[in-house]
Amino acid sequence: AHSAVDGQQLWKLEVAPIGSITGGQLSADGKTLVLKTDTDGGRAIVVRDQKVVSTIPSPADVALPTPDGRFVAITHERRLMWFTDAGQLLWQFTGDEFLRNPTISHDGQRLAVCSELGTLTTLASTGEVLADHDLRSLATMKFLQDGDLLAATWTGNLMRFQAGVRVTWLHHYVPFPVRIRSNNEPKQPGERDIQFQFGPLPDNRIWMGWPLTKVVPTTRMTDW
């Protein structure tokens, strides 16, 4: 570890005799560090107070500690696993495809993950599946301070889920400017017609392109 002020080394720790560190995540309280390694086919190392607390014998695409560092969520291919900081496996979940972009709520009681097929799953920290939503494309997610979940897909949908379970709104972003004109207004040079469907959310399910609660024009990623 190095000082963020002057770059001086503060401490050094050898976490494994062989292999390389391939990534790491720090808990929100800044006390627990979880490292991914390729040692012996894949290991996750839990570090606290400059000491190795435990070694989790599992390869990890992502190894994510809870905000207080008491638990560790690991995704590898189709599996999501939930460990204690001591390395004990409490439960595991298997998705319909490789699981990506896991995120944990600020209170550590819920987590969400999305499969490469676009299935967004919200689970309790006990392993109970709270909700499944078919987003039709891979999404990245983030829990808000109030416990709601934001999800954004590569196809341009941005949505909010109450407590990660019920859809409250969905916005669709398009990668070009949109101008709404009256029926009798002629098109300007270079303009084309685009049709969008609007409607209420049936059974809290989302289908590609429908339903939409709002169409938002954007030309830059920073507009998000």
Protein backbone atom coordinates (compact mmCIF):
# COMPACT_ATOMS: atom_id res chain seq x y z
CA ALA A 1 0.00 0.00 0.00
CA HIS A 2 1.20 3.50 -0.84
CA SER A 3 0.31 6.95 0.41
CA ALA A 4 -2.06 8.86 -1.87
CA VAL A 5 -0.27 12.09 -0.93
CA ASP A 6 3.38 11.42 -1.73
CA GLY A 7 3.40 7.85 -3.09
CA GLN A 8 5.52 6.48 -0.26
CA GLN A 9 5.11 2.80 0.53
CA LEU A 10 3.19 2.28 3.77
CA TRP A 11 3.23 -1.50 4.02
CA LYS A 12 3.78 -4.63 1.96
CA LEU A 13 2.14 -8.04 2.17
CA GLU A 14 2.77 -11.29 0.31
CA VAL A 15 -0.65 -12.86 -0.14
CA ALA A 16 0.43 -16.01 -1.98
CA PRO A 17 3.74 -17.75 -2.72
CA ILE A 18 2.98 -18.07 -6.45
CA GLY A 19 0.68 -16.48 -9.03
CA SER A 20 -0.38 -12.94 -9.76
CA ILE A 21 -2.95 -10.49 -8.43
CA THR A 22 -5.49 -9.86 -11.19
CA GLY A 23 -7.75 -7.32 -9.45
CA GLY A 24 -9.11 -6.04 -6.17
CA GLN A 25 -12.05 -4.35 -4.47
CA LEU A 26 -12.05 -2.29 -1.27
CA SER A 27 -15.06 -2.31 1.05
CA ALA A 28 -16.96 0.97 1.48
CA ASP A 29 -15.66 1.40 5.03
CA GLY A 30 -12.09 1.17 3.72
CA LYS A 31 -11.12 -1.66 6.08
CA THR A 32 -11.38 -4.82 3.97
CA LEU A 33 -9.62 -5.53 0.69
CA VAL A 34 -10.55 -8.51 -1.49
CA LEU A 35 -7.97 -9.51 -4.08
CA LYS A 36 -8.42 -11.77 -7.09
CA THR A 37 -5.46 -14.00 -7.92
CA ASP A 38 -4.69 -16.74 -10.43
CA THR A 39 -2.96 -18.83 -7.77
CA ASP A 40 -3.76 -22.56 -8.02
CA GLY A 41 -6.43 -21.99 -10.65
CA GLY A 42 -7.94 -18.97 -8.91
CA ARG A 43 -8.19 -17.71 -5.34
CA ALA A 44 -9.75 -14.68 -3.63
CA ILE A 45 -7.73 -13.24 -0.75
CA VAL A 46 -9.41 -11.26 2.05
CA VAL A 47 -7.06 -8.70 3.65
CA ARG A 48 -7.74 -6.62 6.74
CA ASP A 49 -5.40 -4.69 9.07
CA GLN A 50 -2.45 -5.55 6.80
CA LYS A 51 -3.05 -9.28 7.33
CA VAL A 52 -4.57 -12.09 5.28
CA VAL A 53 -7.89 -12.91 6.94
CA SER A 54 -8.82 -15.82 4.67
CA THR A 55 -8.25 -17.42 1.29
CA ILE A 56 -11.34 -18.35 -0.71
CA PRO A 57 -10.59 -21.33 -3.00
CA SER A 58 -12.54 -20.17 -6.04
CA PRO A 59 -11.68 -18.46 -9.33
CA ALA A 60 -13.38 -15.09 -9.60
CA ASP A 61 -14.48 -12.90 -12.46
CA VAL A 62 -15.50 -10.37 -9.81
CA ALA A 63 -14.87 -10.51 -6.05
CA LEU A 64 -16.89 -7.85 -4.23
CA PRO A 65 -16.98 -7.24 -0.46
CA THR A 66 -20.05 -5.91 1.32
CA PRO A 67 -19.76 -2.31 2.58
CA ASP A 68 -18.78 -3.51 6.06
CA GLY A 69 -16.48 -6.22 4.70
CA ARG A 70 -18.23 -9.07 6.54
CA PHE A 71 -19.22 -10.94 3.36
CA VAL A 72 -17.81 -11.43 -0.14
CA ALA A 73 -19.79 -11.93 -3.36
CA ILE A 74 -17.93 -13.79 -6.11
CA THR A 75 -19.06 -14.34 -9.68
CA HIS A 76 -17.45 -16.90 -11.95
CA GLU A 77 -19.05 -17.79 -15.25
CA ARG A 78 -22.70 -18.67 -14.44
CA ARG A 79 -22.26 -18.88 -10.67
CA LEU A 80 -22.75 -16.25 -7.97
CA MET A 81 -21.34 -17.30 -4.60
CA TRP A 82 -21.73 -15.66 -1.19
CA PHE A 83 -18.95 -16.16 1.37
CA THR A 84 -18.24 -14.94 4.87
CA ASP A 85 -15.03 -12.95 5.30
CA ALA A 86 -13.62 -16.11 6.91
CA GLY A 87 -14.06 -17.96 3.61
CA GLN A 88 -17.15 -20.03 4.41
CA LEU A 89 -19.53 -20.58 1.48
CA LEU A 90 -23.09 -19.75 2.57
CA TRP A 91 -24.97 -20.17 -0.70
CA GLN A 92 -24.65 -20.01 -4.46
CA PHE A 93 -26.88 -19.05 -7.37
CA THR A 94 -26.65 -20.23 -10.99
CA GLY A 95 -27.71 -17.89 -13.79
CA ASP A 96 -28.95 -18.61 -17.30
CA GLU A 97 -25.64 -17.40 -18.78
CA PHE A 98 -22.37 -15.89 -17.61
CA LEU A 99 -23.07 -13.41 -14.81
CA ARG A 100 -21.70 -9.87 -15.01
CA ASN A 101 -21.59 -6.60 -13.08
CA PRO A 102 -22.66 -7.65 -9.56
CA THR A 103 -23.52 -4.82 -7.19
CA ILE A 104 -24.37 -4.77 -3.47
CA SER A 105 -26.76 -2.40 -1.68
CA HIS A 106 -25.36 0.12 0.80
CA ASP A 107 -26.75 -1.83 3.76
CA GLY A 108 -25.33 -5.10 2.41
CA GLN A 109 -28.74 -6.79 2.48
CA ARG A 110 -29.36 -7.08 -1.26
CA LEU A 111 -27.34 -7.69 -4.39
CA ALA A 112 -28.08 -7.65 -8.08
CA VAL A 113 -26.39 -9.29 -11.05
CA CYS A 114 -27.12 -9.46 -14.78
CA SER A 115 -26.49 -12.35 -17.15
CA GLU A 116 -25.13 -11.95 -20.66
CA LEU A 117 -28.63 -12.85 -21.91
CA GLY A 118 -30.02 -9.80 -20.10
CA THR A 119 -31.64 -11.43 -17.07
CA LEU A 120 -31.38 -9.07 -14.11
CA THR A 121 -31.67 -10.93 -10.80
CA THR A 122 -32.02 -9.31 -7.38
CA LEU A 123 -31.23 -11.48 -4.36
CA ALA A 124 -31.31 -11.07 -0.60
CA SER A 125 -28.10 -11.59 1.33
CA THR A 126 -29.66 -14.87 2.51
CA GLY A 127 -29.68 -16.18 -1.07
CA GLU A 128 -33.41 -15.74 -1.68
CA VAL A 129 -34.27 -14.61 -5.21
CA LEU A 130 -36.37 -11.47 -4.85
CA ALA A 131 -36.97 -10.63 -8.51
CA ASP A 132 -36.07 -11.56 -12.10
CA HIS A 133 -36.40 -9.13 -14.99
CA ASP A 134 -35.74 -9.83 -18.66
CA LEU A 135 -33.94 -6.70 -19.91
CA ARG A 136 -33.11 -8.36 -23.26
CA SER A 137 -29.50 -7.08 -23.08
CA LEU A 138 -26.60 -6.93 -20.64
CA ALA A 139 -26.90 -4.19 -18.03
CA THR A 140 -24.68 -2.45 -15.54
CA MET A 141 -26.28 -1.69 -12.18
CA LYS A 142 -25.84 0.48 -9.11
CA PHE A 143 -27.78 0.59 -5.85
CA LEU A 144 -28.74 4.07 -4.63
CA GLN A 145 -28.57 5.24 -1.03
CA ASP A 146 -32.33 4.74 -0.60
CA GLY A 147 -32.07 1.10 -1.68
CA ASP A 148 -33.43 1.54 -5.20
CA LEU A 149 -31.51 0.05 -8.11
CA LEU A 150 -30.50 1.78 -11.35
CA ALA A 151 -29.80 -0.36 -14.39
CA ALA A 152 -28.54 0.75 -17.80
CA THR A 153 -28.37 -1.54 -20.84
CA TRP A 154 -26.16 -1.23 -23.91
CA THR A 155 -29.31 -0.89 -26.02
CA GLY A 156 -30.10 2.48 -24.42
CA ASN A 157 -32.59 1.65 -21.66
CA LEU A 158 -32.16 3.26 -18.25
CA MET A 159 -34.52 2.04 -15.54
CA ARG A 160 -35.10 2.29 -11.82
CA PHE A 161 -36.29 -0.54 -9.58
CA GLN A 162 -37.82 0.07 -6.16
CA ALA A 163 -35.66 -1.91 -3.71
CA GLY A 164 -34.29 -3.71 -6.76
CA VAL A 165 -37.63 -5.47 -7.29
CA ARG A 166 -40.40 -3.37 -8.89
CA VAL A 167 -39.91 -1.18 -11.97
CA THR A 168 -40.76 2.44 -11.18
CA TRP A 169 -39.72 4.04 -14.47
CA LEU A 170 -37.86 3.38 -17.70
CA HIS A 171 -36.22 5.88 -20.03
CA HIS A 172 -34.96 5.04 -23.49
CA TYR A 173 -31.97 6.93 -24.87
CA VAL A 174 -31.30 7.20 -28.58
CA PRO A 175 -27.85 8.01 -30.05
CA PHE A 176 -29.13 10.85 -32.24
CA PRO A 177 -31.19 14.03 -31.80
CA VAL A 178 -34.98 13.61 -31.80
CA ARG A 179 -37.41 16.33 -32.88
CA ILE A 180 -41.17 15.91 -32.52
CA ARG A 181 -43.13 17.69 -35.24
CA SER A 182 -46.83 18.11 -35.97
CA ASN A 183 -48.64 15.99 -38.55
CA ASN A 184 -48.61 18.74 -41.18
CA GLU A 185 -45.06 19.93 -40.55
CA PRO A 186 -42.65 18.88 -43.32
CA LYS A 187 -39.46 17.01 -42.58
CA GLN A 188 -36.21 18.92 -42.65
CA PRO A 189 -33.40 17.75 -44.93
CA GLY A 190 -31.79 14.59 -43.58
CA GLU A 191 -34.56 13.81 -41.07
CA ARG A 192 -36.16 10.37 -40.86
CA ASP A 193 -39.28 9.04 -39.17
CA ILE A 194 -38.96 6.89 -36.05
CA GLN A 195 -41.89 5.15 -34.36
CA PHE A 196 -41.95 4.50 -30.62
CA GLN A 197 -44.53 2.60 -28.59
CA PHE A 198 -45.72 3.88 -25.23
CA GLY A 199 -47.68 2.03 -22.61
CA PRO A 200 -47.95 0.99 -18.95
CA LEU A 201 -45.67 -1.63 -17.48
CA PRO A 202 -47.51 -4.99 -17.65
CA ASP A 203 -46.71 -7.18 -14.64
CA ASN A 204 -43.50 -5.18 -14.11
CA ARG A 205 -41.93 -6.83 -17.16
CA ILE A 206 -39.75 -5.06 -19.71
CA TRP A 207 -39.58 -5.92 -23.40
CA MET A 208 -37.11 -4.50 -25.87
CA GLY A 209 -38.46 -1.18 -27.11
CA TRP A 210 -41.71 -1.53 -25.14
CA PRO A 211 -43.00 -0.23 -22.87
CA LEU A 212 -41.37 3.19 -22.77
CA THR A 213 -42.26 5.96 -20.35
CA LYS A 214 -40.03 8.54 -21.98
CA VAL A 215 -37.85 8.99 -25.05
CA VAL A 216 -34.74 11.04 -24.32
CA PRO A 217 -32.56 12.33 -27.18
CA THR A 218 -28.82 12.32 -26.60
CA THR A 219 -25.69 12.63 -28.68
CA ARG A 220 -22.99 12.18 -26.02
CA MET A 221 -22.37 9.56 -23.37
CA THR A 222 -21.92 12.44 -20.90
CA ASP A 223 -25.63 13.23 -21.34
CA TRP A 224 -26.35 10.15 -19.25
